[in-house]
Amino acid sequence: YQSMKNIYKNGCIFVGTSAGASVMSHTMIIEGYD
């Protein structure tokens, strides 16, 4: 994870879909009524 943070700061693009999208933020939703 530290390596990921380092490469992100250095210009690596991060992509996330579905669960991989929610996890991109500082706080994420993990459960709630649909």
Full PDB file with SEQRES, HELIX, SHEET, SSBOND, CRYST1, ORIGX, SCALE, CONECT and MASTER records, all heavy atoms in Angstrom:
SEQRES   1 A   34  TYR GLN SER MET LYS ASN ILE TYR LYS ASN GLY CYS ILE          
SEQRES   2 A   34  PHE VAL GLY THR SER ALA GLY ALA SER VAL MET SER HIS          
SEQRES   3 A   34  THR MET ILE ILE GLU GLY TYR ASP                              
HELIX    1 AA1 GLN A    2  LYS A    9  1                                   8    
HELIX    2 AA2 ALA A   19  SER A   22  1                                   4    
CRYST1    1.000    1.000    1.000  90.00  90.00  90.00 P 1           1          
ORIGX1      1.000000  0.000000  0.000000        0.00000                         
ORIGX2      0.000000  1.000000  0.000000        0.00000                         
ORIGX3      0.000000  0.000000  1.000000        0.00000                         
SCALE1      1.000000  0.000000  0.000000        0.00000                         
SCALE2      0.000000  1.000000  0.000000        0.00000                         
SCALE3      0.000000  0.000000  1.000000        0.00000                         
ATOM      1  N   TYR A   1       0.832  -1.204   0.000  1.00  0.00           N  
ATOM      2  CA  TYR A   1       0.000   0.000   0.000  1.00  0.00           C  
ATOM      3  C   TYR A   1       0.866   1.254   0.000  1.00  0.00           C  
ATOM      4  O   TYR A   1       0.566   2.225  -0.702  1.00  0.00           O  
ATOM      5  CB  TYR A   1      -0.931  -0.016   1.211  1.00  0.00           C  
ATOM      6  CG  TYR A   1      -1.774   1.232   1.360  1.00  0.00           C  
ATOM      7  CD1 TYR A   1      -2.421   1.804   0.276  1.00  0.00           C  
ATOM      8  CD2 TYR A   1      -1.932   1.840   2.608  1.00  0.00           C  
ATOM      9  CE1 TYR A   1      -3.198   2.939   0.413  1.00  0.00           C  
ATOM     10  CE2 TYR A   1      -2.710   2.973   2.759  1.00  0.00           C  
ATOM     11  CZ  TYR A   1      -3.338   3.521   1.653  1.00  0.00           C  
ATOM     12  OH  TYR A   1      -4.102   4.652   1.795  1.00  0.00           O  
ATOM     13  N   GLN A   2       1.944   1.255   0.758  1.00  0.00           N  
ATOM     14  CA  GLN A   2       2.850   2.405   0.763  1.00  0.00           C  
ATOM     15  C   GLN A   2       3.443   2.634  -0.614  1.00  0.00           C  
ATOM     16  O   GLN A   2       3.562   3.774  -1.075  1.00  0.00           O  
ATOM     17  CB  GLN A   2       3.961   2.207   1.793  1.00  0.00           C  
ATOM     18  CG  GLN A   2       4.875   3.411   1.945  1.00  0.00           C  
ATOM     19  CD  GLN A   2       4.133   4.666   2.371  1.00  0.00           C  
ATOM     20  OE1 GLN A   2       3.399   4.658   3.359  1.00  0.00           O  
ATOM     21  NE2 GLN A   2       4.319   5.757   1.635  1.00  0.00           N  
ATOM     22  N   SER A   3       3.779   1.547  -1.296  1.00  0.00           N  
ATOM     23  CA  SER A   3       4.299   1.659  -2.653  1.00  0.00           C  
ATOM     24  C   SER A   3       3.253   2.251  -3.594  1.00  0.00           C  
ATOM     25  O   SER A   3       3.571   3.081  -4.450  1.00  0.00           O  
ATOM     26  CB  SER A   3       4.750   0.285  -3.160  1.00  0.00           C  
ATOM     27  OG  SER A   3       5.279   0.374  -4.452  1.00  0.00           O  
ATOM     28  N   MET A   4       2.002   1.844  -3.411  1.00  0.00           N  
ATOM     29  CA  MET A   4       0.926   2.410  -4.231  1.00  0.00           C  
ATOM     30  C   MET A   4       0.783   3.910  -3.996  1.00  0.00           C  
ATOM     31  O   MET A   4       0.613   4.688  -4.942  1.00  0.00           O  
ATOM     32  CB  MET A   4      -0.391   1.699  -3.930  1.00  0.00           C  
ATOM     33  CG  MET A   4      -0.471   0.298  -4.467  1.00  0.00           C  
ATOM     34  SD  MET A   4      -2.077  -0.464  -4.095  1.00  0.00           S  
ATOM     35  CE  MET A   4      -1.910  -2.018  -4.979  1.00  0.00           C  
ATOM     36  N   LYS A   5       0.834   4.316  -2.741  1.00  0.00           N  
ATOM     37  CA  LYS A   5       0.730   5.746  -2.450  1.00  0.00           C  
ATOM     38  C   LYS A   5       1.892   6.512  -3.079  1.00  0.00           C  
ATOM     39  O   LYS A   5       1.705   7.621  -3.596  1.00  0.00           O  
ATOM     40  CB  LYS A   5       0.700   5.971  -0.937  1.00  0.00           C  
ATOM     41  CG  LYS A   5      -0.576   5.492  -0.276  1.00  0.00           C  
ATOM     42  CD  LYS A   5      -0.758   6.053   1.125  1.00  0.00           C  
ATOM     43  CE  LYS A   5       0.274   5.521   2.090  1.00  0.00           C  
ATOM     44  NZ  LYS A   5       0.033   6.015   3.474  1.00  0.00           N  
ATOM     45  N   ASN A   6       3.070   5.914  -3.054  1.00  0.00           N  
ATOM     46  CA  ASN A   6       4.247   6.587  -3.622  1.00  0.00           C  
ATOM     47  C   ASN A   6       4.124   6.758  -5.134  1.00  0.00           C  
ATOM     48  O   ASN A   6       4.404   7.831  -5.670  1.00  0.00           O  
ATOM     49  CB  ASN A   6       5.513   5.794  -3.291  1.00  0.00           C  
ATOM     50  CG  ASN A   6       5.870   5.842  -1.821  1.00  0.00           C  
ATOM     51  OD1 ASN A   6       5.410   6.718  -1.090  1.00  0.00           O  
ATOM     52  ND2 ASN A   6       6.691   4.907  -1.370  1.00  0.00           N  
ATOM     53  N   ILE A   7       3.698   5.708  -5.828  1.00  0.00           N  
ATOM     54  CA  ILE A   7       3.611   5.825  -7.289  1.00  0.00           C  
ATOM     55  C   ILE A   7       2.458   6.738  -7.697  1.00  0.00           C  
ATOM     56  O   ILE A   7       2.525   7.401  -8.733  1.00  0.00           O  
ATOM     57  CB  ILE A   7       3.512   4.453  -7.979  1.00  0.00           C  
ATOM     58  CG1 ILE A   7       2.234   3.709  -7.595  1.00  0.00           C  
ATOM     59  CG2 ILE A   7       4.744   3.599  -7.685  1.00  0.00           C  
ATOM     60  CD1 ILE A   7       1.990   2.461  -8.425  1.00  0.00           C  
ATOM     61  N   TYR A   8       1.405   6.792  -6.870  1.00  0.00           N  
ATOM     62  CA  TYR A   8       0.314   7.715  -7.166  1.00  0.00           C  
ATOM     63  C   TYR A   8       0.808   9.152  -7.102  1.00  0.00           C  
ATOM     64  O   TYR A   8       0.506   9.975  -7.982  1.00  0.00           O  
ATOM     65  CB  TYR A   8      -0.832   7.495  -6.182  1.00  0.00           C  
ATOM     66  CG  TYR A   8      -1.996   8.450  -6.381  1.00  0.00           C  
ATOM     67  CD1 TYR A   8      -2.776   8.384  -7.532  1.00  0.00           C  
ATOM     68  CD2 TYR A   8      -2.297   9.419  -5.429  1.00  0.00           C  
ATOM     69  CE1 TYR A   8      -3.835   9.250  -7.724  1.00  0.00           C  
ATOM     70  CE2 TYR A   8      -3.361  10.295  -5.609  1.00  0.00           C  
ATOM     71  CZ  TYR A   8      -4.123  10.204  -6.755  1.00  0.00           C  
ATOM     72  OH  TYR A   8      -5.161  11.076  -6.946  1.00  0.00           O  
ATOM     73  N   LYS A   9       1.593   9.468  -6.084  1.00  0.00           N  
ATOM     74  CA  LYS A   9       2.157  10.817  -5.963  1.00  0.00           C  
ATOM     75  C   LYS A   9       3.078  11.147  -7.126  1.00  0.00           C  
ATOM     76  O   LYS A   9       3.220  12.305  -7.515  1.00  0.00           O  
ATOM     77  CB  LYS A   9       2.923  10.943  -4.644  1.00  0.00           C  
ATOM     78  CG  LYS A   9       2.039  10.966  -3.413  1.00  0.00           C  
ATOM     79  CD  LYS A   9       2.876  11.054  -2.147  1.00  0.00           C  
ATOM     80  CE  LYS A   9       2.016  11.035  -0.901  1.00  0.00           C  
ATOM     81  NZ  LYS A   9       2.839  11.056   0.341  1.00  0.00           N  
ATOM     82  N   ASN A  10       3.693  10.120  -7.689  1.00  0.00           N  
ATOM     83  CA  ASN A  10       4.647  10.330  -8.772  1.00  0.00           C  
ATOM     84  C   ASN A  10       4.033  10.221 -10.160  1.00  0.00           C  
ATOM     85  O   ASN A  10       4.756  10.177 -11.155  1.00  0.00           O  
ATOM     86  CB  ASN A  10       5.810   9.340  -8.644  1.00  0.00           C  
ATOM     87  CG  ASN A  10       6.693   9.640  -7.454  1.00  0.00           C  
ATOM     88  OD1 ASN A  10       6.886  10.806  -7.088  1.00  0.00           O  
ATOM     89  ND2 ASN A  10       7.235   8.603  -6.819  1.00  0.00           N  
ATOM     90  N   GLY A  11       2.700  10.157 -10.227  1.00  0.00           N  
ATOM     91  CA  GLY A  11       2.049  10.257 -11.534  1.00  0.00           C  
ATOM     92  C   GLY A  11       1.379   9.012 -12.051  1.00  0.00           C  
ATOM     93  O   GLY A  11       0.775   9.053 -13.134  1.00  0.00           O  
ATOM     94  N   CYS A  12       1.449   7.903 -11.339  1.00  0.00           N  
ATOM     95  CA  CYS A  12       0.745   6.705 -11.780  1.00  0.00           C  
ATOM     96  C   CYS A  12      -0.766   6.956 -11.725  1.00  0.00           C  
ATOM     97  O   CYS A  12      -1.266   7.546 -10.773  1.00  0.00           O  
ATOM     98  CB  CYS A  12       1.115   5.513 -10.907  1.00  0.00           C  
ATOM     99  SG  CYS A  12       0.302   3.962 -11.381  1.00  0.00           S  
ATOM    100  N   ILE A  13      -1.477   6.515 -12.737  1.00  0.00           N  
ATOM    101  CA  ILE A  13      -2.929   6.660 -12.792  1.00  0.00           C  
ATOM    102  C   ILE A  13      -3.563   5.472 -12.084  1.00  0.00           C  
ATOM    103  O   ILE A  13      -3.187   4.318 -12.321  1.00  0.00           O  
ATOM    104  CB  ILE A  13      -3.410   6.740 -14.255  1.00  0.00           C  
ATOM    105  CG1 ILE A  13      -2.821   7.971 -14.931  1.00  0.00           C  
ATOM    106  CG2 ILE A  13      -4.940   6.763 -14.320  1.00  0.00           C  
ATOM    107  CD1 ILE A  13      -3.019   7.998 -16.432  1.00  0.00           C  
ATOM    108  N   PHE A  14      -4.539   5.748 -11.217  1.00  0.00           N  
ATOM    109  CA  PHE A  14      -5.268   4.686 -10.546  1.00  0.00           C  
ATOM    110  C   PHE A  14      -6.706   4.649 -11.072  1.00  0.00           C  
ATOM    111  O   PHE A  14      -7.352   5.689 -11.224  1.00  0.00           O  
ATOM    112  CB  PHE A  14      -5.256   4.878  -9.031  1.00  0.00           C  
ATOM    113  CG  PHE A  14      -4.022   4.312  -8.385  1.00  0.00           C  
ATOM    114  CD1 PHE A  14      -2.791   4.937  -8.537  1.00  0.00           C  
ATOM    115  CD2 PHE A  14      -4.077   3.143  -7.645  1.00  0.00           C  
ATOM    116  CE1 PHE A  14      -1.642   4.422  -7.962  1.00  0.00           C  
ATOM    117  CE2 PHE A  14      -2.927   2.614  -7.064  1.00  0.00           C  
ATOM    118  CZ  PHE A  14      -1.717   3.241  -7.223  1.00  0.00           C  
ATOM    119  N   VAL A  15      -7.149   3.432 -11.343  1.00  0.00           N  
ATOM    120  CA  VAL A  15      -8.482   3.204 -11.893  1.00  0.00           C  
ATOM    121  C   VAL A  15      -9.186   2.193 -11.001  1.00  0.00           C  
ATOM    122  O   VAL A  15      -8.571   1.221 -10.552  1.00  0.00           O  
ATOM    123  CB  VAL A  15      -8.412   2.672 -13.339  1.00  0.00           C  
ATOM    124  CG1 VAL A  15      -9.816   2.525 -13.932  1.00  0.00           C  
ATOM    125  CG2 VAL A  15      -7.541   3.562 -14.214  1.00  0.00           C  
ATOM    126  N   GLY A  16     -10.477   2.396 -10.760  1.00  0.00           N  
ATOM    127  CA  GLY A  16     -11.243   1.425  -9.991  1.00  0.00           C  
ATOM    128  C   GLY A  16     -12.640   1.295 -10.541  1.00  0.00           C  
ATOM    129  O   GLY A  16     -13.248   2.291 -10.947  1.00  0.00           O  
ATOM    130  N   THR A  17     -13.150   0.071 -10.600  1.00  0.00           N  
ATOM    131  CA  THR A  17     -14.521  -0.158 -11.031  1.00  0.00           C  
ATOM    132  C   THR A  17     -15.292  -0.856  -9.916  1.00  0.00           C  
ATOM    133  O   THR A  17     -14.745  -1.705  -9.208  1.00  0.00           O  
ATOM    134  CB  THR A  17     -14.573  -0.985 -12.335  1.00  0.00           C  
ATOM    135  OG1 THR A  17     -15.935  -1.099 -12.775  1.00  0.00           O  
ATOM    136  CG2 THR A  17     -13.981  -2.373 -12.156  1.00  0.00           C  
ATOM    137  N   SER A  18     -16.552  -0.471  -9.729  1.00  0.00           N  
ATOM    138  CA  SER A  18     -17.417  -1.072  -8.717  1.00  0.00           C  
ATOM    139  C   SER A  18     -16.780  -0.939  -7.329  1.00  0.00           C  
ATOM    140  O   SER A  18     -16.539   0.173  -6.874  1.00  0.00           O  
ATOM    141  CB  SER A  18     -17.713  -2.526  -9.090  1.00  0.00           C  
ATOM    142  OG  SER A  18     -18.721  -3.083  -8.281  1.00  0.00           O  
ATOM    143  N   ALA A  19     -16.476  -2.043  -6.652  1.00  0.00           N  
ATOM    144  CA  ALA A  19     -15.811  -1.948  -5.345  1.00  0.00           C  
ATOM    145  C   ALA A  19     -14.499  -1.185  -5.451  1.00  0.00           C  
ATOM    146  O   ALA A  19     -14.114  -0.453  -4.543  1.00  0.00           O  
ATOM    147  CB  ALA A  19     -15.560  -3.348  -4.781  1.00  0.00           C  
ATOM    148  N   GLY A  20     -13.819  -1.346  -6.573  1.00  0.00           N  
ATOM    149  CA  GLY A  20     -12.578  -0.615  -6.804  1.00  0.00           C  
ATOM    150  C   GLY A  20     -12.780   0.875  -6.948  1.00  0.00           C  
ATOM    151  O   GLY A  20     -11.836   1.655  -6.796  1.00  0.00           O  
ATOM    152  N   ALA A  21     -14.027   1.296  -7.221  1.00  0.00           N  
ATOM    153  CA  ALA A  21     -14.358   2.722  -7.264  1.00  0.00           C  
ATOM    154  C   ALA A  21     -14.576   3.262  -5.863  1.00  0.00           C  
ATOM    155  O   ALA A  21     -14.029   4.303  -5.476  1.00  0.00           O  
ATOM    156  CB  ALA A  21     -15.598   2.943  -8.125  1.00  0.00           C  
ATOM    157  N   SER A  22     -15.381   2.552  -5.072  1.00  0.00           N  
ATOM    158  CA  SER A  22     -15.689   3.019  -3.723  1.00  0.00           C  
ATOM    159  C   SER A  22     -14.443   3.202  -2.876  1.00  0.00           C  
ATOM    160  O   SER A  22     -14.359   4.110  -2.049  1.00  0.00           O  
ATOM    161  CB  SER A  22     -16.629   2.024  -3.026  1.00  0.00           C  
ATOM    162  OG  SER A  22     -17.906   2.060  -3.603  1.00  0.00           O  
ATOM    163  N   VAL A  23     -13.457   2.342  -3.075  1.00  0.00           N  
ATOM    164  CA  VAL A  23     -12.271   2.337  -2.222  1.00  0.00           C  
ATOM    165  C   VAL A  23     -11.326   3.495  -2.506  1.00  0.00           C  
ATOM    166  O   VAL A  23     -10.409   3.756  -1.723  1.00  0.00           O  
ATOM    167  CB  VAL A  23     -11.546   0.980  -2.372  1.00  0.00           C  
ATOM    168  CG1 VAL A  23     -10.660   0.967  -3.618  1.00  0.00           C  
ATOM    169  CG2 VAL A  23     -10.752   0.620  -1.133  1.00  0.00           C  
ATOM    170  N   MET A  24     -11.539   4.226  -3.600  1.00  0.00           N  
ATOM    171  CA  MET A  24     -10.621   5.305  -3.962  1.00  0.00           C  
ATOM    172  C   MET A  24     -10.687   6.483  -2.990  1.00  0.00           C  
ATOM    173  O   MET A  24      -9.726   7.235  -2.845  1.00  0.00           O  
ATOM    174  CB  MET A  24     -10.907   5.809  -5.375  1.00  0.00           C  
ATOM    175  CG  MET A  24     -10.581   4.820  -6.461  1.00  0.00           C  
ATOM    176  SD  MET A  24      -8.808   4.498  -6.547  1.00  0.00           S  
ATOM    177  CE  MET A  24      -8.779   3.052  -7.598  1.00  0.00           C  
ATOM    178  N   SER A  25     -11.807   6.666  -2.324  1.00  0.00           N  
ATOM    179  CA  SER A  25     -11.971   7.834  -1.456  1.00  0.00           C  
ATOM    180  C   SER A  25     -11.405   7.587  -0.066  1.00  0.00           C  
ATOM    181  O   SER A  25     -11.071   6.457   0.305  1.00  0.00           O  
ATOM    182  CB  SER A  25     -13.455   8.203  -1.359  1.00  0.00           C  
ATOM    183  OG  SER A  25     -14.199   7.116  -0.874  1.00  0.00           O  
ATOM    184  N   HIS A  26     -11.308   8.665   0.694  1.00  0.00           N  
ATOM    185  CA  HIS A  26     -10.776   8.574   2.058  1.00  0.00           C  
ATOM    186  C   HIS A  26     -11.732   7.815   2.974  1.00  0.00           C  
ATOM    187  O   HIS A  26     -11.317   7.072   3.867  1.00  0.00           O  
ATOM    188  CB  HIS A  26     -10.529   9.980   2.609  1.00  0.00           C  
ATOM    189  CG  HIS A  26      -9.850   9.994   3.940  1.00  0.00           C  
ATOM    190  ND1 HIS A  26     -10.551  10.067   5.127  1.00  0.00           N  
ATOM    191  CD2 HIS A  26      -8.541   9.932   4.274  1.00  0.00           C  
ATOM    192  CE1 HIS A  26      -9.697  10.048   6.135  1.00  0.00           C  
ATOM    193  NE2 HIS A  26      -8.478   9.969   5.655  1.00  0.00           N  
ATOM    194  N   THR A  27     -13.038   8.015   2.753  1.00  0.00           N  
ATOM    195  CA  THR A  27     -14.066   7.274   3.477  1.00  0.00           C  
ATOM    196  C   THR A  27     -14.961   6.588   2.455  1.00  0.00           C  
ATOM    197  O   THR A  27     -15.365   7.205   1.468  1.00  0.00           O  
ATOM    198  CB  THR A  27     -14.920   8.208   4.354  1.00  0.00           C  
ATOM    199  OG1 THR A  27     -14.076   8.901   5.269  1.00  0.00           O  
ATOM    200  CG2 THR A  27     -15.962   7.428   5.132  1.00  0.00           C  
ATOM    201  N   MET A  28     -15.265   5.313   2.679  1.00  0.00           N  
ATOM    202  CA  MET A  28     -16.042   4.564   1.689  1.00  0.00           C  
ATOM    203  C   MET A  28     -17.276   3.933   2.325  1.00  0.00           C  
ATOM    204  O   MET A  28     -17.302   3.624   3.512  1.00  0.00           O  
ATOM    205  CB  MET A  28     -15.180   3.469   1.042  1.00  0.00           C  
ATOM    206  CG  MET A  28     -14.716   2.389   1.996  1.00  0.00           C  
ATOM    207  SD  MET A  28     -13.709   1.133   1.154  1.00  0.00           S  
ATOM    208  CE  MET A  28     -13.396   0.002   2.532  1.00  0.00           C  
ATOM    209  N   ILE A  29     -18.296   3.756   1.481  1.00  0.00           N  
ATOM    210  CA  ILE A  29     -19.494   3.041   1.901  1.00  0.00           C  
ATOM    211  C   ILE A  29     -19.217   1.548   1.791  1.00  0.00           C  
ATOM    212  O   ILE A  29     -18.700   1.063   0.779  1.00  0.00           O  
ATOM    213  CB  ILE A  29     -20.693   3.422   1.019  1.00  0.00           C  
ATOM    214  CG1 ILE A  29     -21.064   4.893   1.224  1.00  0.00           C  
ATOM    215  CG2 ILE A  29     -21.891   2.529   1.309  1.00  0.00           C  
ATOM    216  CD1 ILE A  29     -22.129   5.398   0.264  1.00  0.00           C  
ATOM    217  N   ILE A  30     -19.574   0.804   2.835  1.00  0.00           N  
ATOM    218  CA  ILE A  30     -19.411  -0.645   2.760  1.00  0.00           C  
ATOM    219  C   ILE A  30     -20.746  -1.386   2.849  1.00  0.00           C  
ATOM    220  O   ILE A  30     -20.844  -2.535   2.428  1.00  0.00           O  
ATOM    221  CB  ILE A  30     -18.449  -1.178   3.851  1.00  0.00           C  
ATOM    222  CG1 ILE A  30     -18.924  -0.791   5.251  1.00  0.00           C  
ATOM    223  CG2 ILE A  30     -17.041  -0.686   3.600  1.00  0.00           C  
ATOM    224  CD1 ILE A  30     -18.136  -1.460   6.361  1.00  0.00           C  
ATOM    225  N   GLU A  31     -21.779  -0.726   3.371  1.00  0.00           N  
ATOM    226  CA  GLU A  31     -23.079  -1.392   3.453  1.00  0.00           C  
ATOM    227  C   GLU A  31     -24.165  -0.363   3.693  1.00  0.00           C  
ATOM    228  O   GLU A  31     -23.977   0.607   4.424  1.00  0.00           O  
ATOM    229  CB  GLU A  31     -23.090  -2.419   4.595  1.00  0.00           C  
ATOM    230  CG  GLU A  31     -24.349  -3.257   4.669  1.00  0.00           C  
ATOM    231  CD  GLU A  31     -24.294  -4.274   5.797  1.00  0.00           C  
ATOM    232  OE1 GLU A  31     -23.184  -4.600   6.270  1.00  0.00           O  
ATOM    233  OE2 GLU A  31     -25.379  -4.730   6.224  1.00  0.00           O  
ATOM    234  N   GLY A  32     -25.303  -0.566   3.045  1.00  0.00           N  
ATOM    235  CA  GLY A  32     -26.457   0.298   3.236  1.00  0.00           C  
ATOM    236  C   GLY A  32     -27.612  -0.245   2.431  1.00  0.00           C  
ATOM    237  O   GLY A  32     -27.440  -1.072   1.543  1.00  0.00           O  
ATOM    238  N   TYR A  33     -28.820   0.230   2.743  1.00  0.00           N  
ATOM    239  CA  TYR A  33     -30.004  -0.279   2.062  1.00  0.00           C  
ATOM    240  C   TYR A  33     -30.048   0.215   0.623  1.00  0.00           C  
ATOM    241  O   TYR A  33     -29.914   1.403   0.347  1.00  0.00           O  
ATOM    242  CB  TYR A  33     -31.266   0.174   2.783  1.00  0.00           C  
ATOM    243  CG  TYR A  33     -31.438  -0.388   4.174  1.00  0.00           C  
ATOM    244  CD1 TYR A  33     -32.146   0.324   5.142  1.00  0.00           C  
ATOM    245  CD2 TYR A  33     -30.910  -1.621   4.522  1.00  0.00           C  
ATOM    246  CE1 TYR A  33     -32.327  -0.184   6.421  1.00  0.00           C  
ATOM    247  CE2 TYR A  33     -31.084  -2.138   5.795  1.00  0.00           C  
ATOM    248  CZ  TYR A  33     -31.780  -1.416   6.739  1.00  0.00           C  
ATOM    249  OH  TYR A  33     -31.948  -1.913   8.006  1.00  0.00           O  
ATOM    250  N   ASP A  34     -30.267  -0.712  -0.314  1.00  0.00           N  
ATOM    251  CA  ASP A  34     -30.503  -0.358  -1.712  1.00  0.00           C  
ATOM    252  C   ASP A  34     -31.996  -0.169  -1.941  1.00  0.00           C  
ATOM    253  O   ASP A  34     -32.829  -0.836  -1.328  1.00  0.00           O  
ATOM    254  CB  ASP A  34     -30.027  -1.480  -2.644  1.00  0.00           C  
ATOM    255  CG  ASP A  34     -28.509  -1.583  -2.720  1.00  0.00           C  
ATOM    256  OD1 ASP A  34     -27.824  -0.698  -2.188  1.00  0.00           O  
ATOM    257  OD2 ASP A  34     -28.022  -2.568  -3.310  1.00  0.00           O  
TER     258      ASP A  34                                                      
MASTER        0    0    0    2    0    0    0    6  257    1    0    3          
END                                                                             
